Amino acid sequence: MASTRSLDQWSVHRHLQNLAASTPKKTQEQSNHVFLSKPTSRRCAILISTLPFTLTSLPQLSEARERRNKKTIPLEDYLTSPDGLKYYDVLEGKGAVAEKGMTVQVHFDCLYRGITAISSRESKLLAGNRIIAQPYEFKVGAPPGKERKREFVDNPNGLFSAQAAPKPPPAMYSVTEGMKVGGKRTVIVPPEAGYGQKGMNEIPPGSTFELNIELLQVMPAEGK
């Protein structure tokens, strides 16, 4: 005859079986679903949590790498123009050659200690406050500033304005000679060929700065 303790254990086991059988199947499925929705591993959770940080860090790493790879041109690699200016052709170009007396269109940037102080790529329209990249047009070898007094002209933006770009340094009028369309030239501009003792914008009086020229177009000289 079974003991009272054995009967009690059998009764409890039987009761648990009946309880499991009476539990709705849907409730069990919900329980399984909750269990399966948990992260599979701690490592996976860590990788997911660090993903946004990794993505936002990529552009910063790319910019830093670009700064490190930027080439510094040794002074001995610069050539000397007939009027004594030091220049270096970053890109030679493959188009027509700019000769003295020809009208040309360029983009120019004046950099002082690596910071852009003056640029034709930030030309302001007279009709409105918008900023556009309007090429600067002048005659190679002509006296500096004469072209800024020309009449109003129609620009590609459909608005009327005069030569809207900032005042270029006198060095640009001569050192552009010999460039080819599509070419890019870097020039070391001393004060006497730049903005002299008055300075301009962020370029202090009596300062040497870097001039970058991109030759966009060449028109034949008058009479040719």
N, C-alpha and C. Protein backbone atom coordinates (compact mmCIF):
# COMPACT_ATOMS: atom_id res chain seq x y z
N MET A 1 0.85 -1.18 0.00
CA MET A 1 0.00 0.00 0.00
C MET A 1 0.90 1.24 0.00
N ALA A 2 0.59 2.19 -0.93
CA ALA A 2 1.42 3.40 -1.09
C ALA A 2 1.29 4.28 0.12
N SER A 3 2.37 4.96 0.42
CA SER A 3 2.37 5.85 1.58
C SER A 3 1.61 7.13 1.25
N THR A 4 1.27 7.84 2.34
CA THR A 4 0.55 9.12 2.16
C THR A 4 1.39 10.12 1.40
N ARG A 5 2.74 10.11 1.62
CA ARG A 5 3.65 11.05 0.94
C ARG A 5 3.67 10.78 -0.56
N SER A 6 3.66 9.49 -0.98
CA SER A 6 3.66 9.13 -2.39
C SER A 6 2.38 9.58 -3.05
N LEU A 7 1.28 9.42 -2.35
CA LEU A 7 -0.02 9.85 -2.89
C LEU A 7 -0.05 11.37 -3.09
N ASP A 8 0.50 12.08 -2.16
CA ASP A 8 0.51 13.55 -2.27
C ASP A 8 1.33 14.00 -3.49
N GLN A 9 2.53 13.35 -3.73
CA GLN A 9 3.34 13.71 -4.89
C GLN A 9 2.62 13.40 -6.19
N TRP A 10 1.93 12.24 -6.20
CA TRP A 10 1.19 11.87 -7.42
C TRP A 10 0.07 12.85 -7.69
N SER A 11 -0.60 13.32 -6.64
CA SER A 11 -1.71 14.27 -6.79
C SER A 11 -1.22 15.61 -7.34
N VAL A 12 -0.07 16.06 -6.83
CA VAL A 12 0.48 17.33 -7.32
C VAL A 12 0.88 17.21 -8.78
N HIS A 13 1.55 16.09 -9.17
CA HIS A 13 1.95 15.89 -10.56
C HIS A 13 0.74 15.86 -11.49
N ARG A 14 -0.31 15.18 -11.04
CA ARG A 14 -1.53 15.08 -11.84
C ARG A 14 -2.19 16.46 -12.00
N HIS A 15 -2.16 17.23 -10.97
CA HIS A 15 -2.77 18.56 -11.01
C HIS A 15 -2.03 19.47 -12.00
N LEU A 16 -0.70 19.36 -12.04
CA LEU A 16 0.08 20.17 -12.98
C LEU A 16 -0.19 19.78 -14.43
N GLN A 17 -0.38 18.49 -14.69
CA GLN A 17 -0.70 18.03 -16.04
C GLN A 17 -2.04 18.58 -16.50
N ASN A 18 -3.02 18.54 -15.59
CA ASN A 18 -4.35 19.05 -15.93
C ASN A 18 -4.30 20.56 -16.21
N LEU A 19 -3.49 21.26 -15.43
CA LEU A 19 -3.39 22.71 -15.60
C LEU A 19 -2.75 23.06 -16.94
N ALA A 20 -1.72 22.32 -17.35
CA ALA A 20 -1.07 22.55 -18.64
C ALA A 20 -2.00 22.26 -19.79
N ALA A 21 -2.81 21.22 -19.63
CA ALA A 21 -3.74 20.85 -20.69
C ALA A 21 -4.84 21.88 -20.86
N SER A 22 -5.20 22.54 -19.77
CA SER A 22 -6.29 23.52 -19.83
C SER A 22 -5.82 24.91 -20.26
N THR A 23 -4.50 25.17 -20.40
CA THR A 23 -3.98 26.48 -20.82
C THR A 23 -4.24 26.68 -22.31
N PRO A 24 -4.81 27.80 -22.73
CA PRO A 24 -5.11 28.03 -24.16
C PRO A 24 -3.84 28.00 -25.00
N LYS A 25 -3.98 27.46 -26.22
CA LYS A 25 -2.85 27.34 -27.13
C LYS A 25 -2.33 28.70 -27.55
N LYS A 26 -3.23 29.70 -27.67
CA LYS A 26 -2.85 31.04 -28.09
C LYS A 26 -1.91 31.69 -27.08
N THR A 27 -2.21 31.41 -25.77
CA THR A 27 -1.36 31.99 -24.73
C THR A 27 0.05 31.44 -24.81
N GLN A 28 0.17 30.12 -25.11
CA GLN A 28 1.48 29.52 -25.25
C GLN A 28 2.23 30.10 -26.43
N GLU A 29 1.52 30.36 -27.56
CA GLU A 29 2.16 30.94 -28.74
C GLU A 29 2.67 32.34 -28.46
N GLN A 30 1.84 33.12 -27.69
CA GLN A 30 2.27 34.47 -27.34
C GLN A 30 3.53 34.43 -26.49
N SER A 31 3.58 33.45 -25.57
CA SER A 31 4.75 33.32 -24.71
C SER A 31 5.98 33.00 -25.52
N ASN A 32 5.82 32.06 -26.51
CA ASN A 32 6.93 31.71 -27.37
C ASN A 32 7.38 32.90 -28.21
N HIS A 33 6.38 33.70 -28.68
CA HIS A 33 6.71 34.86 -29.50
C HIS A 33 7.53 35.88 -28.72
N VAL A 34 7.16 36.11 -27.48
CA VAL A 34 7.90 37.05 -26.65
C VAL A 34 9.32 36.58 -26.42
N PHE A 35 9.46 35.28 -26.25
CA PHE A 35 10.78 34.71 -26.01
C PHE A 35 11.69 34.86 -27.24
N LEU A 36 11.10 34.62 -28.44
CA LEU A 36 11.89 34.67 -29.66
C LEU A 36 12.26 36.09 -30.06
N SER A 37 11.53 37.12 -29.57
CA SER A 37 11.79 38.49 -29.97
C SER A 37 12.97 39.10 -29.24
N LYS A 38 13.54 38.40 -28.24
CA LYS A 38 14.67 38.93 -27.52
C LYS A 38 15.93 38.87 -28.38
N PRO A 39 16.91 39.77 -28.17
CA PRO A 39 18.16 39.72 -28.94
C PRO A 39 18.83 38.36 -28.81
N THR A 40 19.42 37.90 -29.92
CA THR A 40 20.02 36.57 -29.91
C THR A 40 21.30 36.53 -29.08
N SER A 41 22.01 37.67 -29.02
CA SER A 41 23.24 37.68 -28.25
C SER A 41 23.57 39.09 -27.80
N ARG A 42 24.39 39.17 -26.78
CA ARG A 42 24.82 40.48 -26.28
C ARG A 42 25.71 41.18 -27.29
N ARG A 43 26.51 40.40 -28.01
CA ARG A 43 27.40 40.98 -29.02
C ARG A 43 26.61 41.66 -30.12
N CYS A 44 25.50 41.03 -30.54
CA CYS A 44 24.65 41.61 -31.58
C CYS A 44 24.07 42.93 -31.12
N ALA A 45 23.64 42.97 -29.86
CA ALA A 45 23.05 44.20 -29.32
C ALA A 45 24.08 45.32 -29.30
N ILE A 46 25.33 45.00 -28.95
CA ILE A 46 26.38 46.02 -28.90
C ILE A 46 26.68 46.56 -30.29
N LEU A 47 26.70 45.68 -31.30
CA LEU A 47 26.96 46.12 -32.67
C LEU A 47 25.88 47.03 -33.18
N ILE A 48 24.62 46.71 -32.86
CA ILE A 48 23.50 47.53 -33.31
C ILE A 48 23.54 48.90 -32.66
N SER A 49 23.87 48.94 -31.37
CA SER A 49 23.88 50.21 -30.66
C SER A 49 25.00 51.14 -31.12
N THR A 50 26.10 50.58 -31.64
CA THR A 50 27.22 51.41 -32.08
C THR A 50 27.17 51.73 -33.56
N LEU A 51 26.18 51.21 -34.31
CA LEU A 51 26.10 51.44 -35.75
C LEU A 51 25.94 52.91 -36.12
N PRO A 52 25.01 53.68 -35.51
CA PRO A 52 24.88 55.11 -35.87
C PRO A 52 26.17 55.89 -35.65
N PHE A 53 26.87 55.60 -34.56
CA PHE A 53 28.13 56.31 -34.28
C PHE A 53 29.15 56.03 -35.37
N THR A 54 29.20 54.77 -35.85
CA THR A 54 30.15 54.41 -36.90
C THR A 54 29.86 55.14 -38.19
N LEU A 55 28.55 55.22 -38.55
CA LEU A 55 28.18 55.87 -39.79
C LEU A 55 28.48 57.36 -39.77
N THR A 56 28.23 58.03 -38.65
CA THR A 56 28.48 59.47 -38.55
C THR A 56 29.98 59.77 -38.48
N SER A 57 30.78 58.78 -38.12
CA SER A 57 32.21 59.02 -38.01
C SER A 57 32.92 58.92 -39.35
N LEU A 58 32.29 58.25 -40.35
CA LEU A 58 32.94 58.04 -41.63
C LEU A 58 33.28 59.33 -42.36
N PRO A 59 32.35 60.34 -42.48
CA PRO A 59 32.72 61.58 -43.16
C PRO A 59 33.86 62.31 -42.48
N GLN A 60 33.90 62.31 -41.15
CA GLN A 60 34.98 62.98 -40.44
C GLN A 60 36.31 62.32 -40.73
N LEU A 61 36.33 60.98 -40.78
CA LEU A 61 37.57 60.27 -41.10
C LEU A 61 38.01 60.57 -42.52
N SER A 62 37.03 60.66 -43.45
CA SER A 62 37.36 60.95 -44.84
C SER A 62 37.96 62.34 -44.99
N GLU A 63 37.39 63.35 -44.30
CA GLU A 63 37.92 64.70 -44.38
C GLU A 63 39.32 64.77 -43.79
N ALA A 64 39.54 64.08 -42.68
CA ALA A 64 40.87 64.09 -42.06
C ALA A 64 41.89 63.45 -42.97
N ARG A 65 41.50 62.37 -43.64
CA ARG A 65 42.42 61.69 -44.57
C ARG A 65 42.75 62.59 -45.75
N GLU A 66 41.75 63.35 -46.23
CA GLU A 66 41.97 64.26 -47.36
C GLU A 66 42.95 65.37 -46.98
N ARG A 67 42.83 65.89 -45.74
CA ARG A 67 43.76 66.92 -45.29
C ARG A 67 45.19 66.38 -45.20
N ARG A 68 45.33 65.13 -44.74
CA ARG A 68 46.66 64.55 -44.62
C ARG A 68 47.30 64.32 -45.98
N ASN A 69 46.46 63.98 -46.99
CA ASN A 69 46.99 63.65 -48.31
C ASN A 69 47.20 64.88 -49.19
N LYS A 70 46.80 66.06 -48.71
CA LYS A 70 46.96 67.27 -49.51
C LYS A 70 48.44 67.57 -49.71
N LYS A 71 48.81 67.76 -50.97
CA LYS A 71 50.22 67.95 -51.31
C LYS A 71 50.64 69.40 -51.08
N THR A 72 51.75 69.60 -50.41
CA THR A 72 52.35 70.91 -50.25
C THR A 72 53.42 71.08 -51.33
N ILE A 73 53.26 72.11 -52.15
CA ILE A 73 54.17 72.31 -53.27
C ILE A 73 55.44 73.01 -52.80
N PRO A 74 56.60 72.41 -52.96
CA PRO A 74 57.86 73.07 -52.56
C PRO A 74 58.08 74.33 -53.37
N LEU A 75 58.66 75.34 -52.76
CA LEU A 75 58.89 76.61 -53.43
C LEU A 75 59.80 76.45 -54.65
N GLU A 76 60.73 75.50 -54.60
CA GLU A 76 61.65 75.32 -55.73
C GLU A 76 60.94 74.77 -56.97
N ASP A 77 59.72 74.23 -56.81
CA ASP A 77 58.97 73.72 -57.96
C ASP A 77 58.21 74.82 -58.69
N TYR A 78 58.12 76.01 -58.09
CA TYR A 78 57.43 77.12 -58.73
C TYR A 78 58.28 77.70 -59.87
N LEU A 79 57.60 78.16 -60.90
CA LEU A 79 58.26 78.86 -62.00
C LEU A 79 58.15 80.37 -61.76
N THR A 80 58.91 81.14 -62.51
CA THR A 80 58.90 82.60 -62.36
C THR A 80 58.41 83.23 -63.65
N SER A 81 57.40 84.09 -63.54
CA SER A 81 56.85 84.79 -64.70
C SER A 81 57.78 85.93 -65.11
N PRO A 82 57.60 86.51 -66.32
CA PRO A 82 58.45 87.62 -66.76
C PRO A 82 58.47 88.81 -65.80
N ASP A 83 57.37 89.02 -65.05
CA ASP A 83 57.35 90.14 -64.11
C ASP A 83 57.71 89.72 -62.69
N GLY A 84 58.30 88.52 -62.56
CA GLY A 84 58.85 88.11 -61.27
C GLY A 84 57.91 87.40 -60.32
N LEU A 85 56.74 86.99 -60.77
CA LEU A 85 55.79 86.30 -59.89
C LEU A 85 56.07 84.80 -59.88
N LYS A 86 55.97 84.19 -58.70
CA LYS A 86 56.13 82.75 -58.57
C LYS A 86 54.79 82.06 -58.81
N TYR A 87 54.78 81.07 -59.72
CA TYR A 87 53.53 80.38 -60.02
C TYR A 87 53.79 78.89 -60.25
N TYR A 88 52.72 78.11 -60.09
CA TYR A 88 52.81 76.66 -60.28
C TYR A 88 51.52 76.20 -60.94
N ASP A 89 51.63 75.43 -62.04
CA ASP A 89 50.45 74.92 -62.75
C ASP A 89 50.01 73.60 -62.11
N VAL A 90 48.94 73.67 -61.32
CA VAL A 90 48.38 72.48 -60.69
C VAL A 90 47.78 71.57 -61.75
N LEU A 91 47.13 72.19 -62.75
CA LEU A 91 46.56 71.46 -63.88
C LEU A 91 46.85 72.25 -65.14
N GLU A 92 47.47 71.64 -66.13
CA GLU A 92 47.93 72.38 -67.30
C GLU A 92 46.78 72.84 -68.19
N GLY A 93 45.76 72.03 -68.36
CA GLY A 93 44.68 72.37 -69.28
C GLY A 93 44.98 71.88 -70.68
N LYS A 94 43.93 71.79 -71.51
CA LYS A 94 44.11 71.25 -72.86
C LYS A 94 43.48 72.13 -73.93
N GLY A 95 42.96 73.30 -73.53
CA GLY A 95 42.28 74.16 -74.49
C GLY A 95 43.18 75.23 -75.06
N ALA A 96 42.53 76.32 -75.54
CA ALA A 96 43.25 77.43 -76.16
C ALA A 96 44.15 78.13 -75.15
N VAL A 97 45.23 78.74 -75.66
CA VAL A 97 46.20 79.43 -74.81
C VAL A 97 45.81 80.89 -74.67
N ALA A 98 45.88 81.40 -73.44
CA ALA A 98 45.60 82.82 -73.18
C ALA A 98 46.83 83.65 -73.52
N GLU A 99 46.68 84.53 -74.52
CA GLU A 99 47.77 85.39 -74.94
C GLU A 99 47.45 86.84 -74.62
N LYS A 100 48.46 87.67 -74.60
CA LYS A 100 48.29 89.07 -74.28
C LYS A 100 47.34 89.73 -75.26
N GLY A 101 46.38 90.49 -74.75
CA GLY A 101 45.38 91.16 -75.58
C GLY A 101 44.10 90.38 -75.73
N MET A 102 44.09 89.08 -75.35
CA MET A 102 42.88 88.26 -75.43
C MET A 102 41.98 88.49 -74.21
N THR A 103 40.68 88.40 -74.44
CA THR A 103 39.72 88.49 -73.35
C THR A 103 39.49 87.09 -72.80
N VAL A 104 39.56 86.95 -71.50
CA VAL A 104 39.43 85.64 -70.87
C VAL A 104 38.39 85.69 -69.75
N GLN A 105 37.88 84.53 -69.41
CA GLN A 105 37.00 84.36 -68.25
C GLN A 105 37.65 83.38 -67.29
N VAL A 106 37.71 83.76 -66.03
CA VAL A 106 38.35 82.93 -65.02
C VAL A 106 37.51 82.89 -63.75
N HIS A 107 37.83 81.94 -62.91
CA HIS A 107 37.42 81.96 -61.51
C HIS A 107 38.71 82.14 -60.72
N PHE A 108 38.69 82.99 -59.71
CA PHE A 108 39.88 83.20 -58.90
C PHE A 108 39.53 83.17 -57.42
N ASP A 109 40.49 82.71 -56.63
CA ASP A 109 40.34 82.65 -55.17
C ASP A 109 41.63 83.18 -54.54
N CYS A 110 41.49 84.10 -53.60
CA CYS A 110 42.63 84.62 -52.85
C CYS A 110 42.61 84.01 -51.45
N LEU A 111 43.67 83.28 -51.10
CA LEU A 111 43.75 82.61 -49.81
C LEU A 111 44.84 83.24 -48.95
N TYR A 112 44.48 83.55 -47.71
CA TYR A 112 45.46 84.07 -46.75
C TYR A 112 45.54 83.10 -45.59
N ARG A 113 46.71 82.50 -45.41
CA ARG A 113 46.93 81.49 -44.38
C ARG A 113 45.92 80.35 -44.46
N GLY A 114 45.64 79.93 -45.70
CA GLY A 114 44.77 78.79 -45.93
C GLY A 114 43.29 79.09 -45.89
N ILE A 115 42.92 80.35 -45.65
CA ILE A 115 41.50 80.72 -45.56
C ILE A 115 41.14 81.59 -46.77
N THR A 116 40.04 81.24 -47.45
CA THR A 116 39.60 82.01 -48.61
C THR A 116 39.07 83.37 -48.17
N ALA A 117 39.74 84.42 -48.63
CA ALA A 117 39.36 85.79 -48.26
C ALA A 117 38.56 86.47 -49.36
N ILE A 118 38.89 86.18 -50.61
CA ILE A 118 38.23 86.80 -51.76
C ILE A 118 38.03 85.72 -52.82
N SER A 119 36.84 85.69 -53.44
CA SER A 119 36.57 84.64 -54.42
C SER A 119 35.51 85.09 -55.42
N SER A 120 35.75 84.80 -56.70
CA SER A 120 34.74 85.07 -57.72
C SER A 120 33.60 84.06 -57.64
N ARG A 121 33.79 83.01 -56.86
CA ARG A 121 32.74 82.00 -56.70
C ARG A 121 31.69 82.44 -55.69
N GLU A 122 31.90 83.62 -55.11
CA GLU A 122 30.92 84.18 -54.18
C GLU A 122 30.56 85.60 -54.61
N SER A 123 30.24 85.75 -55.90
CA SER A 123 29.90 87.06 -56.44
C SER A 123 28.47 87.41 -56.07
N LYS A 124 28.25 88.65 -55.66
CA LYS A 124 26.91 89.09 -55.26
C LYS A 124 26.23 89.84 -56.40
N LEU A 125 24.97 89.50 -56.67
CA LEU A 125 24.19 90.21 -57.66
C LEU A 125 23.73 91.55 -57.11
N LEU A 126 23.63 92.53 -57.99
CA LEU A 126 23.08 93.81 -57.56
C LEU A 126 21.58 93.70 -57.31
N ALA A 127 20.91 92.86 -58.10
CA ALA A 127 19.45 92.71 -57.96
C ALA A 127 19.16 91.53 -57.04
N GLY A 128 19.25 91.73 -55.76
CA GLY A 128 18.95 90.67 -54.80
C GLY A 128 20.14 90.34 -53.94
N ASN A 129 19.90 89.51 -52.95
CA ASN A 129 20.95 89.15 -52.00
C ASN A 129 21.52 87.76 -52.27
N ARG A 130 21.13 87.15 -53.38
CA ARG A 130 21.64 85.82 -53.68
C ARG A 130 23.13 85.88 -54.03
N ILE A 131 23.81 84.79 -53.81
CA ILE A 131 25.24 84.69 -54.12
C ILE A 131 25.42 83.67 -55.23
N ILE A 132 26.14 84.06 -56.28
CA ILE A 132 26.37 83.15 -57.40
C ILE A 132 27.87 83.07 -57.70
N ALA A 133 28.24 82.08 -58.47
CA ALA A 133 29.63 81.94 -58.91
C ALA A 133 29.73 82.51 -60.32
N GLN A 134 29.95 83.80 -60.42
CA GLN A 134 30.03 84.47 -61.72
C GLN A 134 31.49 84.61 -62.15
N PRO A 135 31.87 84.05 -63.31
CA PRO A 135 33.26 84.17 -63.77
C PRO A 135 33.66 85.63 -63.94
N TYR A 136 34.95 85.88 -63.77
CA TYR A 136 35.46 87.24 -63.94
C TYR A 136 36.05 87.36 -65.34
N GLU A 137 35.70 88.42 -66.05
CA GLU A 137 36.14 88.61 -67.43
C GLU A 137 37.06 89.83 -67.53
N PHE A 138 38.20 89.68 -68.19
CA PHE A 138 39.14 90.78 -68.34
C PHE A 138 40.06 90.51 -69.53
N LYS A 139 40.85 91.49 -69.88
CA LYS A 139 41.78 91.36 -71.01
C LYS A 139 43.18 91.14 -70.45
N VAL A 140 43.84 90.10 -70.93
CA VAL A 140 45.18 89.75 -70.46
C VAL A 140 46.16 90.87 -70.79
N GLY A 141 46.89 91.34 -69.79
CA GLY A 141 47.88 92.39 -69.99
C GLY A 141 47.33 93.80 -69.94
N ALA A 142 46.00 93.95 -69.78
CA ALA A 142 45.39 95.29 -69.73
C ALA A 142 45.59 95.90 -68.34
N PRO A 143 45.46 97.23 -68.22
CA PRO A 143 45.56 97.86 -66.90
C PRO A 143 44.49 97.32 -65.96
N PRO A 144 44.84 96.97 -64.73
CA PRO A 144 43.87 96.40 -63.78
C PRO A 144 42.70 97.35 -63.50
N GLY A 145 41.50 96.77 -63.50
CA GLY A 145 40.31 97.51 -63.09
C GLY A 145 39.52 98.15 -64.20
N LYS A 146 40.05 98.22 -65.41
CA LYS A 146 39.35 98.90 -66.49
C LYS A 146 38.03 98.20 -66.83
N GLU A 147 38.04 96.88 -66.80
CA GLU A 147 36.84 96.11 -67.19
C GLU A 147 35.70 96.25 -66.19
N ARG A 148 35.97 96.72 -64.97
CA ARG A 148 34.92 96.82 -63.96
C ARG A 148 33.97 97.98 -64.24
N LYS A 149 34.33 98.86 -65.17
CA LYS A 149 33.51 100.03 -65.46
C LYS A 149 32.62 99.83 -66.69
N ARG A 150 32.54 98.61 -67.20
CA ARG A 150 31.73 98.35 -68.39
C ARG A 150 30.25 98.46 -68.06
N GLU A 151 29.43 98.54 -69.08
CA GLU A 151 27.99 98.73 -68.89
C GLU A 151 27.35 97.45 -68.36
N PHE A 152 26.09 97.58 -67.95
CA PHE A 152 25.36 96.44 -67.44
C PHE A 152 25.19 95.40 -68.55
N VAL A 153 25.30 94.14 -68.17
CA VAL A 153 25.18 93.05 -69.14
C VAL A 153 24.21 92.00 -68.61
N ASP A 154 23.69 91.18 -69.52
CA ASP A 154 22.78 90.11 -69.13
C ASP A 154 23.61 88.89 -68.76
N ASN A 155 23.44 88.38 -67.54
CA ASN A 155 24.21 87.21 -67.12
C ASN A 155 23.38 85.95 -67.25
N PRO A 156 23.97 84.76 -67.13
CA PRO A 156 23.25 83.50 -67.33
C PRO A 156 22.09 83.30 -66.37
N ASN A 157 22.02 84.05 -65.29
CA ASN A 157 20.93 83.88 -64.34
C ASN A 157 19.69 84.68 -64.72
N GLY A 158 19.75 85.40 -65.84
CA GLY A 158 18.58 86.12 -66.30
C GLY A 158 18.41 87.47 -65.64
N LEU A 159 19.38 87.93 -64.85
CA LEU A 159 19.30 89.22 -64.19
C LEU A 159 20.40 90.13 -64.74
N PHE A 160 20.21 91.42 -64.60
CA PHE A 160 21.19 92.37 -65.10
C PHE A 160 22.11 92.82 -63.98
N SER A 161 23.39 92.75 -64.22
CA SER A 161 24.36 93.20 -63.24
C SER A 161 25.65 93.56 -63.94
N ALA A 162 26.46 94.37 -63.32
CA ALA A 162 27.78 94.67 -63.85
C ALA A 162 28.74 93.59 -63.39
N GLN A 163 30.05 93.81 -63.55
CA GLN A 163 31.04 92.84 -63.10
C GLN A 163 30.89 92.71 -61.59
N ALA A 164 30.27 91.62 -61.13
CA ALA A 164 29.87 91.53 -59.73
C ALA A 164 30.93 90.90 -58.84
N ALA A 165 31.95 90.27 -59.43
CA ALA A 165 32.95 89.60 -58.62
C ALA A 165 33.77 90.61 -57.82
N PRO A 166 34.36 90.20 -56.71
CA PRO A 166 35.24 91.09 -55.93
C PRO A 166 36.44 91.53 -56.76
N LYS A 167 37.10 92.56 -56.31
CA LYS A 167 38.25 93.11 -57.03
C LYS A 167 39.41 92.12 -56.99
N PRO A 168 39.92 91.70 -58.17
CA PRO A 168 41.06 90.77 -58.20
C PRO A 168 42.37 91.54 -57.98
N PRO A 169 43.44 90.85 -57.60
CA PRO A 169 44.74 91.51 -57.45
C PRO A 169 45.34 91.82 -58.82
N PRO A 170 46.14 92.89 -58.93
CA PRO A 170 46.77 93.23 -60.21
C PRO A 170 47.58 92.08 -60.81
N ALA A 171 48.12 91.20 -59.99
CA ALA A 171 48.95 90.09 -60.50
C ALA A 171 48.19 89.22 -61.48
N MET A 172 46.88 89.12 -61.33
CA MET A 172 46.11 88.21 -62.17
C MET A 172 46.10 88.64 -63.63
N TYR A 173 46.22 89.93 -63.91
CA TYR A 173 46.12 90.45 -65.27
C TYR A 173 47.31 90.05 -66.14
N SER A 174 48.43 89.77 -65.52
CA SER A 174 49.61 89.38 -66.29
C SER A 174 49.95 87.90 -66.16
N VAL A 175 49.76 87.33 -64.96
CA VAL A 175 50.20 85.96 -64.71
C VAL A 175 49.30 84.93 -65.39
N THR A 176 48.15 85.36 -65.89
CA THR A 176 47.25 84.45 -66.61
C THR A 176 47.80 84.12 -68.00
N GLU A 177 48.67 84.96 -68.51
CA GLU A 177 49.22 84.74 -69.85
C GLU A 177 49.96 83.40 -69.90
N GLY A 178 49.67 82.63 -70.94
CA GLY A 178 50.31 81.32 -71.11
C GLY A 178 49.49 80.16 -70.58
N MET A 179 48.42 80.45 -69.83
CA MET A 179 47.56 79.37 -69.35
C MET A 179 46.71 78.80 -70.49
N LYS A 180 46.29 77.55 -70.34
CA LYS A 180 45.39 76.91 -71.30
C LYS A 180 44.02 76.73 -70.67
N VAL A 181 42.98 76.79 -71.50
CA VAL A 181 41.61 76.62 -71.00
C VAL A 181 41.48 75.28 -70.28
N GLY A 182 40.92 75.32 -69.10
CA GLY A 182 40.81 74.14 -68.26
C GLY A 182 41.94 74.03 -67.26
N GLY A 183 42.93 74.92 -67.39
CA GLY A 183 44.07 74.88 -66.49
C GLY A 183 43.82 75.57 -65.17
N LYS A 184 44.61 75.19 -64.17
CA LYS A 184 44.53 75.79 -62.84
C LYS A 184 45.95 76.19 -62.40
N ARG A 185 46.10 77.42 -61.96
CA ARG A 185 47.42 77.95 -61.62
C ARG A 185 47.40 78.56 -60.22
N THR A 186 48.42 78.26 -59.44
CA THR A 186 48.60 78.83 -58.11
C THR A 186 49.74 79.85 -58.15
N VAL A 187 49.48 81.03 -57.60
CA VAL A 187 50.45 82.12 -57.67
C VAL A 187 50.72 82.66 -56.27
N ILE A 188 51.98 82.91 -55.96
CA ILE A 188 52.34 83.58 -54.71
C ILE A 188 52.39 85.09 -54.99
N VAL A 189 51.48 85.82 -54.38
CA VAL A 189 51.32 87.25 -54.69
C VAL A 189 51.92 88.10 -53.56
N PRO A 190 52.98 88.85 -53.86
CA PRO A 190 53.54 89.77 -52.86
C PRO A 190 52.67 91.03 -52.76
N PRO A 191 52.86 91.84 -51.73
CA PRO A 191 52.00 93.03 -51.52
C PRO A 191 51.98 93.97 -52.72
N GLU A 192 53.13 94.17 -53.37
CA GLU A 192 53.19 95.13 -54.48
C GLU A 192 52.40 94.68 -55.70
N ALA A 193 52.12 93.36 -55.82
CA ALA A 193 51.31 92.85 -56.93
C ALA A 193 49.93 92.41 -56.43
N GLY A 194 49.68 92.67 -55.15
CA GLY A 194 48.39 92.28 -54.56
C GLY A 194 47.57 93.49 -54.15
N TYR A 195 47.29 93.59 -52.85
CA TYR A 195 46.43 94.67 -52.36
C TYR A 195 47.21 95.72 -51.58
N GLY A 196 48.54 95.70 -51.72
CA GLY A 196 49.39 96.76 -51.20
C GLY A 196 49.23 97.01 -49.71
N GLN A 197 49.34 98.28 -49.33
CA GLN A 197 49.30 98.68 -47.93
C GLN A 197 47.88 98.94 -47.43
N LYS A 198 46.91 98.72 -48.28
CA LYS A 198 45.51 98.90 -47.86
C LYS A 198 44.88 97.56 -47.44
N GLY A 199 45.31 96.47 -48.07
CA GLY A 199 44.71 95.17 -47.77
C GLY A 199 43.33 95.05 -48.41
N MET A 200 42.71 93.91 -48.18
CA MET A 200 41.37 93.66 -48.73
C MET A 200 40.71 92.54 -47.95
N ASN A 201 39.52 92.82 -47.43
CA ASN A 201 38.78 91.84 -46.63
C ASN A 201 39.66 91.27 -45.50
N GLU A 202 39.87 89.95 -45.50
CA GLU A 202 40.68 89.33 -44.43
C GLU A 202 42.18 89.35 -44.73
N ILE A 203 42.58 89.94 -45.86
CA ILE A 203 44.00 90.03 -46.18
C ILE A 203 44.54 91.33 -45.58
N PRO A 204 45.41 91.25 -44.58
CA PRO A 204 45.92 92.46 -43.92
C PRO A 204 46.78 93.31 -44.85
N PRO A 205 46.96 94.57 -44.53
CA PRO A 205 47.84 95.44 -45.32
C PRO A 205 49.26 94.89 -45.39
N GLY A 206 49.86 95.00 -46.58
CA GLY A 206 51.24 94.57 -46.77
C GLY A 206 51.46 93.08 -46.68
N SER A 207 50.44 92.27 -47.00
CA SER A 207 50.55 90.81 -46.83
C SER A 207 50.76 90.10 -48.16
N THR A 208 51.51 88.99 -48.10
CA THR A 208 51.65 88.07 -49.22
C THR A 208 50.58 86.99 -49.09
N PHE A 209 49.96 86.62 -50.19
CA PHE A 209 48.89 85.62 -50.14
C PHE A 209 48.97 84.71 -51.37
N GLU A 210 48.09 83.72 -51.39
CA GLU A 210 48.05 82.74 -52.49
C GLU A 210 46.86 83.05 -53.39
N LEU A 211 47.11 83.08 -54.69
CA LEU A 211 46.07 83.31 -55.69
C LEU A 211 45.90 82.04 -56.53
N ASN A 212 44.69 81.53 -56.60
CA ASN A 212 44.37 80.36 -57.42
C ASN A 212 43.50 80.80 -58.59
N ILE A 213 43.92 80.47 -59.80
CA ILE A 213 43.21 80.87 -61.01
C ILE A 213 42.79 79.64 -61.79
N GLU A 214 41.54 79.62 -62.25
CA GLU A 214 41.04 78.57 -63.14
C GLU A 214 40.58 79.23 -64.43
N LEU A 215 41.23 78.91 -65.55
CA LEU A 215 40.90 79.52 -66.84
C LEU A 215 39.72 78.77 -67.48
N LEU A 216 38.62 79.51 -67.69
CA LEU A 216 37.39 78.90 -68.19
C LEU A 216 37.20 79.07 -69.68
N GLN A 217 37.56 80.26 -70.21
CA GLN A 217 37.29 80.55 -71.61
C GLN A 217 38.26 81.60 -72.13
N VAL A 218 38.57 81.51 -73.43
CA VAL A 218 39.46 82.47 -74.08
C VAL A 218 38.77 82.96 -75.36
N MET A 219 38.71 84.29 -75.52
CA MET A 219 38.19 84.91 -76.73
C MET A 219 39.34 85.56 -77.49
N PRO A 220 39.37 85.46 -78.81
CA PRO A 220 40.48 86.03 -79.58
C PRO A 220 40.61 87.52 -79.36
N ALA A 221 41.81 88.03 -79.52
CA ALA A 221 42.06 89.47 -79.36
C ALA A 221 41.36 90.23 -80.50
N GLU A 222 41.02 91.47 -80.21
CA GLU A 222 40.33 92.30 -81.22
C GLU A 222 41.24 92.52 -82.42
N GLY A 223 40.62 92.42 -83.61
CA GLY A 223 41.38 92.62 -84.84
C GLY A 223 41.97 91.36 -85.43
N LYS A 224 41.84 90.22 -84.70
CA LYS A 224 42.38 88.95 -85.22
C LYS A 224 41.28 88.09 -85.81
